[in-house]
Structures are given as structure tokens and as C-alpha cells.
Amino acid sequence: MEIWVNPRCSKCRSAVSLLDEAGATYTVRRYLEDPPTPAELEAVLDRLGLGPWDITRTGEKVATELGLKSWPRTPADRARWIEALSANPALIQRPIITADDGTTVVARDEETVRSVLG
């Protein structure tokens, strides 16, 4: 299992605590320091069944600077969004957990974290 975290994020810390309480074995990826590649983002999005705009933190300063709210959200624009997320990992919603079976969730609440524990 892998969890993408920002250590300053309270939801990330909560998710890690829940994994610890459950005795889960996992790897922490500090995605701000080790940003996912476009290919890794594409794989995560495929597992989530979401578009890149669905995991984008549009309230971030860099989102405003890039004008993301006005970007089209179409299949033709998917690669542009993924490139922006990879180049600016602060835009990625967190935490994201990928379980050993490939199940992937944006784990912003306790119930979602527990859903990947089996």
C-alpha cells in the first residue's frame, strides 16, 4: 500500500494514524518532494475513475496563477491538466492511497481510509 501525503496536512496525518492503528503496511510518498510523473498520475486517475480536474485543488495560489478554473475539462485537455499536476504537485488533492490490490482512493475521511484496509 502507498499513501501520497503532505505532512503538514491534517487529513494526511489522520489517514496515516488510521493506517497505523489498523497495523497496515504501507509506504509514504511525500509527493511535494517526490512529485508523480504524468504516467503515474494517469495510472492513479485510471484506478480512481476520475479526471485530473477531479483531484485538483483549485483553491491553491498556483491554480489561480495558471487560471485552472477556466481550463476546459474535456478528454482532449486531460494531458494538459496532468502535466500541470505533475509540474505543480501542490495542486493534487490529498491523501491518495493505493492498496496492494490496486484499489485507489482519495482518502479525505475515516470511512474512505478504512475502505482500503480490507
PDB file of N, CA and C in Angstrom:
ATOM      1  N   MET A   1       0.853  -1.170   0.000  1.00  0.00           N
ATOM      2  CA  MET A   1       0.000   0.000   0.000  1.00  0.00           C
ATOM      3  C   MET A   1       0.899   1.234   0.000  1.00  0.00           C
ATOM      4  N   GLU A   2       0.448   2.240  -0.722  1.00  0.00           N
ATOM      5  CA  GLU A   2       1.192   3.504  -0.767  1.00  0.00           C
ATOM      6  C   GLU A   2       0.221   4.644  -0.480  1.00  0.00           C
ATOM      7  N   ILE A   3       0.696   5.635   0.277  1.00  0.00           N
ATOM      8  CA  ILE A   3      -0.104   6.811   0.558  1.00  0.00           C
ATOM      9  C   ILE A   3       0.689   8.052   0.174  1.00  0.00           C
ATOM     10  N   TRP A   4       0.070   8.901  -0.627  1.00  0.00           N
ATOM     11  CA  TRP A   4       0.682  10.180  -1.011  1.00  0.00           C
ATOM     12  C   TRP A   4       0.247  11.207   0.018  1.00  0.00           C
ATOM     13  N   VAL A   5       1.227  11.827   0.672  1.00  0.00           N
ATOM     14  CA  VAL A   5       0.906  12.763   1.749  1.00  0.00           C
ATOM     15  C   VAL A   5       1.690  14.060   1.655  1.00  0.00           C
ATOM     16  N   ASN A   6       1.103  15.051   2.270  1.00  0.00           N
ATOM     17  CA  ASN A   6       1.775  16.297   2.615  1.00  0.00           C
ATOM     18  C   ASN A   6       1.775  16.284   4.137  1.00  0.00           C
ATOM     19  N   PRO A   7       2.945  16.169   4.787  1.00  0.00           N
ATOM     20  CA  PRO A   7       2.994  16.036   6.237  1.00  0.00           C
ATOM     21  C   PRO A   7       2.316  17.179   7.003  1.00  0.00           C
ATOM     22  N   ARG A   8       2.156  18.337   6.365  1.00  0.00           N
ATOM     23  CA  ARG A   8       1.502  19.466   7.036  1.00  0.00           C
ATOM     24  C   ARG A   8      -0.018  19.392   6.968  1.00  0.00           C
ATOM     25  N   CYS A   9      -0.537  18.450   6.222  1.00  0.00           N
ATOM     26  CA  CYS A   9      -1.979  18.312   6.011  1.00  0.00           C
ATOM     27  C   CYS A   9      -2.606  17.466   7.123  1.00  0.00           C
ATOM     28  N   SER A  10      -3.621  18.004   7.783  1.00  0.00           N
ATOM     29  CA  SER A  10      -4.255  17.283   8.890  1.00  0.00           C
ATOM     30  C   SER A  10      -4.968  16.022   8.405  1.00  0.00           C
ATOM     31  N   LYS A  11      -5.562  16.049   7.223  1.00  0.00           N
ATOM     32  CA  LYS A  11      -6.234  14.859   6.699  1.00  0.00           C
ATOM     33  C   LYS A  11      -5.219  13.761   6.377  1.00  0.00           C
ATOM     34  N   CYS A  12      -4.026  14.145   5.926  1.00  0.00           N
ATOM     35  CA  CYS A  12      -2.957  13.172   5.673  1.00  0.00           C
ATOM     36  C   CYS A  12      -2.493  12.545   6.988  1.00  0.00           C
ATOM     37  N   ARG A  13      -2.286  13.380   7.973  1.00  0.00           N
ATOM     38  CA  ARG A  13      -1.846  12.858   9.279  1.00  0.00           C
ATOM     39  C   ARG A  13      -2.897  11.929   9.869  1.00  0.00           C
ATOM     40  N   SER A  14      -4.152  12.284   9.726  1.00  0.00           N
ATOM     41  CA  SER A  14      -5.241  11.443  10.220  1.00  0.00           C
ATOM     42  C   SER A  14      -5.261  10.103   9.493  1.00  0.00           C
ATOM     43  N   ALA A  15      -5.086  10.122   8.173  1.00  0.00           N
ATOM     44  CA  ALA A  15      -5.084   8.880   7.392  1.00  0.00           C
ATOM     45  C   ALA A  15      -3.926   7.983   7.811  1.00  0.00           C
ATOM     46  N   VAL A  16      -2.754   8.558   7.999  1.00  0.00           N
ATOM     47  CA  VAL A  16      -1.590   7.781   8.434  1.00  0.00           C
ATOM     48  C   VAL A  16      -1.855   7.172   9.816  1.00  0.00           C
ATOM     49  N   SER A  17      -2.448   7.934  10.714  1.00  0.00           N
ATOM     50  CA  SER A  17      -2.775   7.419  12.055  1.00  0.00           C
ATOM     51  C   SER A  17      -3.736   6.238  11.963  1.00  0.00           C
ATOM     52  N   LEU A  18      -4.745   6.343  11.098  1.00  0.00           N
ATOM     53  CA  LEU A  18      -5.693   5.243  10.934  1.00  0.00           C
ATOM     54  C   LEU A  18      -5.010   4.003  10.369  1.00  0.00           C
ATOM     55  N   LEU A  19      -4.117   4.198   9.417  1.00  0.00           N
ATOM     56  CA  LEU A  19      -3.372   3.055   8.874  1.00  0.00           C
ATOM     57  C   LEU A  19      -2.516   2.417   9.963  1.00  0.00           C
ATOM     58  N   ASP A  20      -1.875   3.260  10.779  1.00  0.00           N
ATOM     59  CA  ASP A  20      -1.055   2.740  11.877  1.00  0.00           C
ATOM     60  C   ASP A  20      -1.899   1.960  12.879  1.00  0.00           C
ATOM     61  N   GLU A  21      -3.042   2.522  13.256  1.00  0.00           N
ATOM     62  CA  GLU A  21      -3.940   1.855  14.212  1.00  0.00           C
ATOM     63  C   GLU A  21      -4.396   0.496  13.692  1.00  0.00           C
ATOM     64  N   ALA A  22      -4.574   0.397  12.379  1.00  0.00           N
ATOM     65  CA  ALA A  22      -5.024  -0.851  11.766  1.00  0.00           C
ATOM     66  C   ALA A  22      -3.882  -1.836  11.547  1.00  0.00           C
ATOM     67  N   GLY A  23      -2.641  -1.404  11.818  1.00  0.00           N
ATOM     68  CA  GLY A  23      -1.488  -2.269  11.613  1.00  0.00           C
ATOM     69  C   GLY A  23      -1.157  -2.479  10.140  1.00  0.00           C
ATOM     70  N   ALA A  24      -1.578  -1.561   9.303  1.00  0.00           N
ATOM     71  CA  ALA A  24      -1.338  -1.688   7.863  1.00  0.00           C
ATOM     72  C   ALA A  24       0.138  -1.482   7.537  1.00  0.00           C
ATOM     73  N   THR A  25       0.587  -2.179   6.533  1.00  0.00           N
ATOM     74  CA  THR A  25       1.929  -1.985   5.999  1.00  0.00           C
ATOM     75  C   THR A  25       1.797  -1.068   4.796  1.00  0.00           C
ATOM     76  N   TYR A  26       2.535   0.029   4.804  1.00  0.00           N
ATOM     77  CA  TYR A  26       2.398   0.999   3.725  1.00  0.00           C
ATOM     78  C   TYR A  26       3.695   1.769   3.541  1.00  0.00           C
ATOM     79  N   THR A  27       3.783   2.412   2.393  1.00  0.00           N
ATOM     80  CA  THR A  27       4.897   3.288   2.055  1.00  0.00           C
ATOM     81  C   THR A  27       4.349   4.704   1.965  1.00  0.00           C
ATOM     82  N   VAL A  28       5.057   5.643   2.564  1.00  0.00           N
ATOM     83  CA  VAL A  28       4.667   7.048   2.485  1.00  0.00           C
ATOM     84  C   VAL A  28       5.419   7.699   1.337  1.00  0.00           C
ATOM     85  N   ARG A  29       4.673   8.390   0.511  1.00  0.00           N
ATOM     86  CA  ARG A  29       5.289   9.179  -0.559  1.00  0.00           C
ATOM     87  C   ARG A  29       4.956  10.639  -0.288  1.00  0.00           C
ATOM     88  N   ARG A  30       5.971  11.392  -0.003  1.00  0.00           N
ATOM     89  CA  ARG A  30       5.797  12.831   0.179  1.00  0.00           C
ATOM     90  C   ARG A  30       5.804  13.447  -1.212  1.00  0.00           C
ATOM     91  N   TYR A  31       4.632  13.540  -1.779  1.00  0.00           N
ATOM     92  CA  TYR A  31       4.519  13.864  -3.197  1.00  0.00           C
ATOM     93  C   TYR A  31       4.937  15.295  -3.537  1.00  0.00           C
ATOM     94  N   LEU A  32       5.044  16.172  -2.549  1.00  0.00           N
ATOM     95  CA  LEU A  32       5.552  17.515  -2.853  1.00  0.00           C
ATOM     96  C   LEU A  32       7.060  17.470  -3.110  1.00  0.00           C
ATOM     97  N   GLU A  33       7.742  16.560  -2.426  1.00  0.00           N
ATOM     98  CA  GLU A  33       9.183  16.387  -2.595  1.00  0.00           C
ATOM     99  C   GLU A  33       9.508  15.408  -3.725  1.00  0.00           C
ATOM    100  N   ASP A  34       8.606  14.472  -3.972  1.00  0.00           N
ATOM    101  CA  ASP A  34       8.785  13.428  -4.985  1.00  0.00           C
ATOM    102  C   ASP A  34       7.527  13.398  -5.854  1.00  0.00           C
ATOM    103  N   PRO A  35       7.370  14.415  -6.717  1.00  0.00           N
ATOM    104  CA  PRO A  35       6.135  14.529  -7.498  1.00  0.00           C
ATOM    105  C   PRO A  35       5.914  13.339  -8.421  1.00  0.00           C
ATOM    106  N   PRO A  36       4.660  12.946  -8.568  1.00  0.00           N
ATOM    107  CA  PRO A  36       4.371  11.863  -9.502  1.00  0.00           C
ATOM    108  C   PRO A  36       4.598  12.314 -10.945  1.00  0.00           C
ATOM    109  N   THR A  37       5.026  11.380 -11.747  1.00  0.00           N
ATOM    110  CA  THR A  37       5.198  11.652 -13.178  1.00  0.00           C
ATOM    111  C   THR A  37       3.822  11.694 -13.838  1.00  0.00           C
ATOM    112  N   PRO A  38       3.744  12.250 -15.026  1.00  0.00           N
ATOM    113  CA  PRO A  38       2.467  12.194 -15.743  1.00  0.00           C
ATOM    114  C   PRO A  38       1.946  10.756 -15.889  1.00  0.00           C
ATOM    115  N   ALA A  39       2.826   9.809 -16.136  1.00  0.00           N
ATOM    116  CA  ALA A  39       2.396   8.410 -16.273  1.00  0.00           C
ATOM    117  C   ALA A  39       1.836   7.873 -14.962  1.00  0.00           C
ATOM    118  N   GLU A  40       2.471   8.224 -13.839  1.00  0.00           N
ATOM    119  CA  GLU A  40       1.962   7.782 -12.537  1.00  0.00           C
ATOM    120  C   GLU A  40       0.599   8.413 -12.249  1.00  0.00           C
ATOM    121  N   LEU A  41       0.454   9.682 -12.578  1.00  0.00           N
ATOM    122  CA  LEU A  41      -0.840  10.343 -12.379  1.00  0.00           C
ATOM    123  C   LEU A  41      -1.914   9.703 -13.250  1.00  0.00           C
ATOM    124  N   GLU A  42      -1.572   9.410 -14.480  1.00  0.00           N
ATOM    125  CA  GLU A  42      -2.536   8.766 -15.382  1.00  0.00           C
ATOM    126  C   GLU A  42      -2.985   7.430 -14.801  1.00  0.00           C
ATOM    127  N   ALA A  43      -2.047   6.647 -14.281  1.00  0.00           N
ATOM    128  CA  ALA A  43      -2.391   5.347 -13.700  1.00  0.00           C
ATOM    129  C   ALA A  43      -3.301   5.509 -12.483  1.00  0.00           C
ATOM    130  N   VAL A  44      -2.992   6.471 -11.613  1.00  0.00           N
ATOM    131  CA  VAL A  44      -3.821   6.716 -10.431  1.00  0.00           C
ATOM    132  C   VAL A  44      -5.215   7.180 -10.849  1.00  0.00           C
ATOM    133  N   LEU A  45      -5.283   8.076 -11.806  1.00  0.00           N
ATOM    134  CA  LEU A  45      -6.581   8.559 -12.277  1.00  0.00           C
ATOM    135  C   LEU A  45      -7.404   7.432 -12.890  1.00  0.00           C
ATOM    136  N   ASP A  46      -6.754   6.556 -13.631  1.00  0.00           N
ATOM    137  CA  ASP A  46      -7.461   5.407 -14.213  1.00  0.00           C
ATOM    138  C   ASP A  46      -8.039   4.530 -13.107  1.00  0.00           C
ATOM    139  N   ARG A  47      -7.251   4.275 -12.060  1.00  0.00           N
ATOM    140  CA  ARG A  47      -7.729   3.446 -10.950  1.00  0.00           C
ATOM    141  C   ARG A  47      -8.850   4.145 -10.180  1.00  0.00           C
ATOM    142  N   LEU A  48      -8.760   5.465 -10.072  1.00  0.00           N
ATOM    143  CA  LEU A  48      -9.806   6.229  -9.382  1.00  0.00           C
ATOM    144  C   LEU A  48     -11.069   6.363 -10.229  1.00  0.00           C
ATOM    145  N   GLY A  49     -10.905   6.279 -11.553  1.00  0.00           N
ATOM    146  CA  GLY A  49     -12.026   6.517 -12.450  1.00  0.00           C
ATOM    147  C   GLY A  49     -12.403   7.988 -12.513  1.00  0.00           C
ATOM    148  N   LEU A  50     -11.397   8.858 -12.340  1.00  0.00           N
ATOM    149  CA  LEU A  50     -11.625  10.300 -12.309  1.00  0.00           C
ATOM    150  C   LEU A  50     -10.802  11.015 -13.367  1.00  0.00           C
ATOM    151  N   GLY A  51     -11.188  12.237 -13.644  1.00  0.00           N
ATOM    152  CA  GLY A  51     -10.389  13.104 -14.498  1.00  0.00           C
ATOM    153  C   GLY A  51      -9.420  13.887 -13.630  1.00  0.00           C
ATOM    154  N   PRO A  52      -8.364  14.431 -14.203  1.00  0.00           N
ATOM    155  CA  PRO A  52      -7.385  15.170 -13.408  1.00  0.00           C
ATOM    156  C   PRO A  52      -7.992  16.379 -12.703  1.00  0.00           C
ATOM    157  N   TRP A  53      -8.991  16.994 -13.303  1.00  0.00           N
ATOM    158  CA  TRP A  53      -9.659  18.143 -12.681  1.00  0.00           C
ATOM    159  C   TRP A  53     -10.386  17.735 -11.412  1.00  0.00           C
ATOM    160  N   ASP A  54     -10.736  16.438 -11.284  1.00  0.00           N
ATOM    161  CA  ASP A  54     -11.440  15.954 -10.099  1.00  0.00           C
ATOM    162  C   ASP A  54     -10.535  15.841  -8.873  1.00  0.00           C
ATOM    163  N   ILE A  55      -9.223  15.795  -9.095  1.00  0.00           N
ATOM    164  CA  ILE A  55      -8.293  15.710  -7.953  1.00  0.00           C
ATOM    165  C   ILE A  55      -7.435  16.969  -7.855  1.00  0.00           C
ATOM    166  N   THR A  56      -7.893  18.043  -8.484  1.00  0.00           N
ATOM    167  CA  THR A  56      -7.129  19.291  -8.488  1.00  0.00           C
ATOM    168  C   THR A  56      -7.644  20.235  -7.412  1.00  0.00           C
ATOM    169  N   ARG A  57      -6.707  20.747  -6.649  1.00  0.00           N
ATOM    170  CA  ARG A  57      -7.021  21.730  -5.606  1.00  0.00           C
ATOM    171  C   ARG A  57      -7.045  23.121  -6.266  1.00  0.00           C
ATOM    172  N   THR A  58      -8.216  23.521  -6.733  1.00  0.00           N
ATOM    173  CA  THR A  58      -8.328  24.760  -7.497  1.00  0.00           C
ATOM    174  C   THR A  58      -8.214  26.011  -6.627  1.00  0.00           C
ATOM    175  N   GLY A  59      -8.223  25.844  -5.307  1.00  0.00           N
ATOM    176  CA  GLY A  59      -8.080  26.995  -4.411  1.00  0.00           C
ATOM    177  C   GLY A  59      -6.631  27.373  -4.137  1.00  0.00           C
ATOM    178  N   GLU A  60      -5.691  26.570  -4.615  1.00  0.00           N
ATOM    179  CA  GLU A  60      -4.278  26.860  -4.389  1.00  0.00           C
ATOM    180  C   GLU A  60      -3.855  28.087  -5.204  1.00  0.00           C
ATOM    181  N   LYS A  61      -2.875  28.806  -4.689  1.00  0.00           N
ATOM    182  CA  LYS A  61      -2.381  30.014  -5.358  1.00  0.00           C
ATOM    183  C   LYS A  61      -1.928  29.718  -6.789  1.00  0.00           C
ATOM    184  N   VAL A  62      -1.211  28.625  -6.965  1.00  0.00           N
ATOM    185  CA  VAL A  62      -0.710  28.292  -8.301  1.00  0.00           C
ATOM    186  C   VAL A  62      -1.868  27.992  -9.265  1.00  0.00           C
ATOM    187  N   ALA A  63      -2.971  27.473  -8.748  1.00  0.00           N
ATOM    188  CA  ALA A  63      -4.141  27.227  -9.597  1.00  0.00           C
ATOM    189  C   ALA A  63      -4.683  28.542 -10.143  1.00  0.00           C
ATOM    190  N   THR A  64      -4.706  29.535  -9.277  1.00  0.00           N
ATOM    191  CA  THR A  64      -5.161  30.861  -9.706  1.00  0.00           C
ATOM    192  C   THR A  64      -4.187  31.443 -10.716  1.00  0.00           C
ATOM    193  N   GLU A  65      -2.888  31.301 -10.438  1.00  0.00           N
ATOM    194  CA  GLU A  65      -1.870  31.818 -11.356  1.00  0.00           C
ATOM    195  C   GLU A  65      -1.972  31.173 -12.736  1.00  0.00           C
ATOM    196  N   LEU A  66      -2.296  29.887 -12.770  1.00  0.00           N
ATOM    197  CA  LEU A  66      -2.424  29.169 -14.041  1.00  0.00           C
ATOM    198  C   LEU A  66      -3.790  29.384 -14.697  1.00  0.00           C
ATOM    199  N   GLY A  67      -4.737  29.915 -13.928  1.00  0.00           N
ATOM    200  CA  GLY A  67      -6.092  30.103 -14.455  1.00  0.00           C
ATOM    201  C   GLY A  67      -6.848  28.807 -14.636  1.00  0.00           C
ATOM    202  N   LEU A  68      -6.585  27.818 -13.765  1.00  0.00           N
ATOM    203  CA  LEU A  68      -7.166  26.481 -13.932  1.00  0.00           C
ATOM    204  C   LEU A  68      -8.692  26.467 -13.970  1.00  0.00           C
ATOM    205  N   LYS A  69      -9.311  27.350 -13.228  1.00  0.00           N
ATOM    206  CA  LYS A  69     -10.783  27.328 -13.196  1.00  0.00           C
ATOM    207  C   LYS A  69     -11.392  27.550 -14.575  1.00  0.00           C
ATOM    208  N   SER A  70     -10.634  28.186 -15.464  1.00  0.00           N
ATOM    209  CA  SER A  70     -11.163  28.441 -16.816  1.00  0.00           C
ATOM    210  C   SER A  70     -10.721  27.390 -17.832  1.00  0.00           C
ATOM    211  N   TRP A  71      -9.885  26.427 -17.417  1.00  0.00           N
ATOM    212  CA  TRP A  71      -9.430  25.403 -18.357  1.00  0.00           C
ATOM    213  C   TRP A  71     -10.583  24.459 -18.694  1.00  0.00           C
ATOM    214  N   PRO A  72     -10.690  24.079 -19.968  1.00  0.00           N
ATOM    215  CA  PRO A  72     -11.718  23.099 -20.344  1.00  0.00           C
ATOM    216  C   PRO A  72     -11.460  21.756 -19.660  1.00  0.00           C
ATOM    217  N   ARG A  73     -12.541  21.057 -19.379  1.00  0.00           N
ATOM    218  CA  ARG A  73     -12.450  19.741 -18.725  1.00  0.00           C
ATOM    219  C   ARG A  73     -12.974  18.687 -19.692  1.00  0.00           C
ATOM    220  N   THR A  74     -12.209  18.470 -20.727  1.00  0.00           N
ATOM    221  CA  THR A  74     -12.592  17.518 -21.767  1.00  0.00           C
ATOM    222  C   THR A  74     -11.477  16.494 -21.939  1.00  0.00           C
ATOM    223  N   PRO A  75     -11.803  15.353 -22.548  1.00  0.00           N
ATOM    224  CA  PRO A  75     -10.752  14.357 -22.807  1.00  0.00           C
ATOM    225  C   PRO A  75      -9.560  14.939 -23.567  1.00  0.00           C
ATOM    226  N   ALA A  76      -9.812  15.873 -24.450  1.00  0.00           N
ATOM    227  CA  ALA A  76      -8.735  16.481 -25.233  1.00  0.00           C
ATOM    228  C   ALA A  76      -7.796  17.317 -24.364  1.00  0.00           C
ATOM    229  N   ASP A  77      -8.279  17.778 -23.209  1.00  0.00           N
ATOM    230  CA  ASP A  77      -7.483  18.623 -22.317  1.00  0.00           C
ATOM    231  C   ASP A  77      -6.856  17.847 -21.161  1.00  0.00           C
ATOM    232  N   ARG A  78      -7.126  16.565 -21.088  1.00  0.00           N
ATOM    233  CA  ARG A  78      -6.647  15.727 -19.977  1.00  0.00           C
ATOM    234  C   ARG A  78      -5.129  15.810 -19.806  1.00  0.00           C
ATOM    235  N   ALA A  79      -4.382  15.683 -20.878  1.00  0.00           N
ATOM    236  CA  ALA A  79      -2.913  15.697 -20.790  1.00  0.00           C
ATOM    237  C   ALA A  79      -2.401  17.028 -20.250  1.00  0.00           C
ATOM    238  N   ARG A  80      -3.040  18.124 -20.641  1.00  0.00           N
ATOM    239  CA  ARG A  80      -2.635  19.448 -20.140  1.00  0.00           C
ATOM    240  C   ARG A  80      -2.802  19.523 -18.624  1.00  0.00           C
ATOM    241  N   TRP A  81      -3.921  19.019 -18.124  1.00  0.00           N
ATOM    242  CA  TRP A  81      -4.172  19.002 -16.682  1.00  0.00           C
ATOM    243  C   TRP A  81      -3.142  18.124 -15.955  1.00  0.00           C
ATOM    244  N   ILE A  82      -2.886  16.954 -16.514  1.00  0.00           N
ATOM    245  CA  ILE A  82      -1.938  16.027 -15.882  1.00  0.00           C
ATOM    246  C   ILE A  82      -0.548  16.646 -15.829  1.00  0.00           C
ATOM    247  N   GLU A  83      -0.134  17.287 -16.885  1.00  0.00           N
ATOM    248  CA  GLU A  83       1.167  17.969 -16.889  1.00  0.00           C
ATOM    249  C   GLU A  83       1.215  19.049 -15.801  1.00  0.00           C
ATOM    250  N   ALA A  84       0.119  19.797 -15.654  1.00  0.00           N
ATOM    251  CA  ALA A  84       0.069  20.846 -14.631  1.00  0.00           C
ATOM    252  C   ALA A  84       0.171  20.251 -13.231  1.00  0.00           C
ATOM    253  N   LEU A  85      -0.497  19.136 -12.994  1.00  0.00           N
ATOM    254  CA  LEU A  85      -0.437  18.486 -11.682  1.00  0.00           C
ATOM    255  C   LEU A  85       0.967  17.953 -11.399  1.00  0.00           C
ATOM    256  N   SER A  86       1.585  17.355 -12.388  1.00  0.00           N
ATOM    257  CA  SER A  86       2.930  16.819 -12.203  1.00  0.00           C
ATOM    258  C   SER A  86       3.941  17.933 -11.946  1.00  0.00           C
ATOM    259  N   ALA A  87       3.802  19.042 -12.674  1.00  0.00           N
ATOM    260  CA  ALA A  87       4.724  20.172 -12.526  1.00  0.00           C
ATOM    261  C   ALA A  87       4.465  20.972 -11.254  1.00  0.00           C
ATOM    262  N   ASN A  88       3.241  20.877 -10.728  1.00  0.00           N
ATOM    263  CA  ASN A  88       2.837  21.648  -9.545  1.00  0.00           C
ATOM    264  C   ASN A  88       2.107  20.722  -8.578  1.00  0.00           C
ATOM    265  N   PRO A  89       2.831  19.829  -7.907  1.00  0.00           N
ATOM    266  CA  PRO A  89       2.171  18.803  -7.099  1.00  0.00           C
ATOM    267  C   PRO A  89       1.306  19.347  -5.957  1.00  0.00           C
ATOM    268  N   ALA A  90       1.484  20.603  -5.560  1.00  0.00           N
ATOM    269  CA  ALA A  90       0.620  21.177  -4.524  1.00  0.00           C
ATOM    270  C   ALA A  90      -0.833  21.210  -4.990  1.00  0.00           C
ATOM    271  N   LEU A  91      -1.055  21.068  -6.288  1.00  0.00           N
ATOM    272  CA  LEU A  91      -2.415  21.068  -6.832  1.00  0.00           C
ATOM    273  C   LEU A  91      -3.138  19.742  -6.622  1.00  0.00           C
ATOM    274  N   ILE A  92      -2.423  18.695  -6.258  1.00  0.00           N
ATOM    275  CA  ILE A  92      -3.014  17.363  -6.150  1.00  0.00           C
ATOM    276  C   ILE A  92      -3.743  17.215  -4.814  1.00  0.00           C
ATOM    277  N   GLN A  93      -5.000  16.786  -4.909  1.00  0.00           N
ATOM    278  CA  GLN A  93      -5.784  16.518  -3.704  1.00  0.00           C
ATOM    279  C   GLN A  93      -5.111  15.417  -2.901  1.00  0.00           C
ATOM    280  N   ARG A  94      -5.251  15.455  -1.614  1.00  0.00           N
ATOM    281  CA  ARG A  94      -4.554  14.521  -0.744  1.00  0.00           C
ATOM    282  C   ARG A  94      -5.444  14.115   0.417  1.00  0.00           C
ATOM    283  N   PRO A  95      -5.086  13.023   1.056  1.00  0.00           N
ATOM    284  CA  PRO A  95      -4.128  11.989   0.664  1.00  0.00           C
ATOM    285  C   PRO A  95      -4.731  11.037  -0.363  1.00  0.00           C
ATOM    286  N   ILE A  96      -3.868  10.434  -1.146  1.00  0.00           N
ATOM    287  CA  ILE A  96      -4.294   9.402  -2.089  1.00  0.00           C
ATOM    288  C   ILE A  96      -3.641   8.101  -1.641  1.00  0.00           C
ATOM    289  N   ILE A  97      -4.479   7.077  -1.488  1.00  0.00           N
ATOM    290  CA  ILE A  97      -3.992   5.760  -1.061  1.00  0.00           C
ATOM    291  C   ILE A  97      -4.230   4.764  -2.178  1.00  0.00           C
ATOM    292  N   THR A  98      -3.185   4.002  -2.511  1.00  0.00           N
ATOM    293  CA  THR A  98      -3.317   2.876  -3.435  1.00  0.00           C
ATOM    294  C   THR A  98      -3.035   1.612  -2.646  1.00  0.00           C
ATOM    295  N   ALA A  99      -4.046   0.762  -2.546  1.00  0.00           N
ATOM    296  CA  ALA A  99      -3.917  -0.504  -1.826  1.00  0.00           C
ATOM    297  C   ALA A  99      -3.148  -1.510  -2.679  1.00  0.00           C
ATOM    298  N   ASP A 100      -2.713  -2.575  -2.040  1.00  0.00           N
ATOM    299  CA  ASP A 100      -1.939  -3.600  -2.739  1.00  0.00           C
ATOM    300  C   ASP A 100      -2.714  -4.241  -3.887  1.00  0.00           C
ATOM    301  N   ASP A 101      -4.043  -4.268  -3.783  1.00  0.00           N
ATOM    302  CA  ASP A 101      -4.851  -4.860  -4.857  1.00  0.00           C
ATOM    303  C   ASP A 101      -5.145  -3.871  -5.984  1.00  0.00           C
ATOM    304  N   GLY A 102      -4.576  -2.654  -5.888  1.00  0.00           N
ATOM    305  CA  GLY A 102      -4.768  -1.650  -6.922  1.00  0.00           C
ATOM    306  C   GLY A 102      -5.889  -0.665  -6.633  1.00  0.00           C
ATOM    307  N   THR A 103      -6.725  -0.972  -5.644  1.00  0.00           N
ATOM    308  CA  THR A 103      -7.790  -0.050  -5.256  1.00  0.00           C
ATOM    309  C   THR A 103      -7.157   1.276  -4.855  1.00  0.00           C
ATOM    310  N   THR A 104      -7.691   2.356  -5.388  1.00  0.00           N
ATOM    311  CA  THR A 104      -7.133   3.682  -5.119  1.00  0.00           C
ATOM    312  C   THR A 104      -8.255   4.614  -4.694  1.00  0.00           C
ATOM    313  N   VAL A 105      -7.982   5.414  -3.656  1.00  0.00           N
ATOM    314  CA  VAL A 105      -8.981   6.342  -3.128  1.00  0.00           C
ATOM    315  C   VAL A 105      -8.333   7.663  -2.767  1.00  0.00           C
ATOM    316  N   VAL A 106      -9.138   8.720  -2.840  1.00  0.00           N
ATOM    317  CA  VAL A 106      -8.759   9.996  -2.253  1.00  0.00           C
ATOM    318  C   VAL A 106      -9.336   9.926  -0.845  1.00  0.00           C
ATOM    319  N   ALA A 107      -8.454   9.742   0.128  1.00  0.00           N
ATOM    320  CA  ALA A 107      -8.843   9.362   1.487  1.00  0.00           C
ATOM    321  C   ALA A 107      -9.009  10.564   2.412  1.00  0.00           C
ATOM    322  N   ARG A 108     -10.016  11.362   2.166  1.00  0.00           N
ATOM    323  CA  ARG A 108     -10.206  12.586   2.937  1.00  0.00           C
ATOM    324  C   ARG A 108     -11.062  12.376   4.187  1.00  0.00           C
ATOM    325  N   ASP A 109     -11.549  11.140   4.389  1.00  0.00           N
ATOM    326  CA  ASP A 109     -12.318  10.875   5.606  1.00  0.00           C
ATOM    327  C   ASP A 109     -12.008   9.463   6.105  1.00  0.00           C
ATOM    328  N   GLU A 110     -12.362   9.226   7.352  1.00  0.00           N
ATOM    329  CA  GLU A 110     -12.037   7.955   8.005  1.00  0.00           C
ATOM    330  C   GLU A 110     -12.646   6.760   7.276  1.00  0.00           C
ATOM    331  N   GLU A 111     -13.878   6.888   6.851  1.00  0.00           N
ATOM    332  CA  GLU A 111     -14.550   5.780   6.170  1.00  0.00           C
ATOM    333  C   GLU A 111     -13.810   5.377   4.889  1.00  0.00           C
ATOM    334  N   THR A 112     -13.326   6.349   4.143  1.00  0.00           N
ATOM    335  CA  THR A 112     -12.619   6.067   2.897  1.00  0.00           C
ATOM    336  C   THR A 112     -11.278   5.394   3.189  1.00  0.00           C
ATOM    337  N   VAL A 113     -10.573   5.863   4.219  1.00  0.00           N
ATOM    338  CA  VAL A 113      -9.312   5.218   4.598  1.00  0.00           C
ATOM    339  C   VAL A 113      -9.582   3.755   4.938  1.00  0.00           C
ATOM    340  N   ARG A 114     -10.587   3.530   5.758  1.00  0.00           N
ATOM    341  CA  ARG A 114     -10.903   2.157   6.180  1.00  0.00           C
ATOM    342  C   ARG A 114     -11.320   1.260   5.005  1.00  0.00           C
ATOM    343  N   SER A 115     -11.846   1.861   3.939  1.00  0.00           N
ATOM    344  CA  SER A 115     -12.306   1.073   2.790  1.00  0.00           C
ATOM    345  C   SER A 115     -11.173   0.340   2.091  1.00  0.00           C
ATOM    346  N   VAL A 116      -9.941   0.796   2.225  1.00  0.00           N
ATOM    347  CA  VAL A 116      -8.817   0.131   1.561  1.00  0.00           C
ATOM    348  C   VAL A 116      -8.110  -0.861   2.480  1.00  0.00           C
ATOM    349  N   LEU A 117      -8.598  -0.988   3.698  1.00  0.00           N
ATOM    350  CA  LEU A 117      -7.945  -1.885   4.652  1.00  0.00           C
ATOM    351  C   LEU A 117      -8.437  -3.330   4.545  1.00  0.00           C
ATOM    352  N   GLY A 118      -9.473  -3.556   3.751  1.00  0.00           N
ATOM    353  CA  GLY A 118      -9.952  -4.919   3.554  1.00  0.00           C
ATOM    354  C   GLY A 118     -10.830  -5.321   4.628  1.00  0.00           C
TER     355      GLY A 118
END
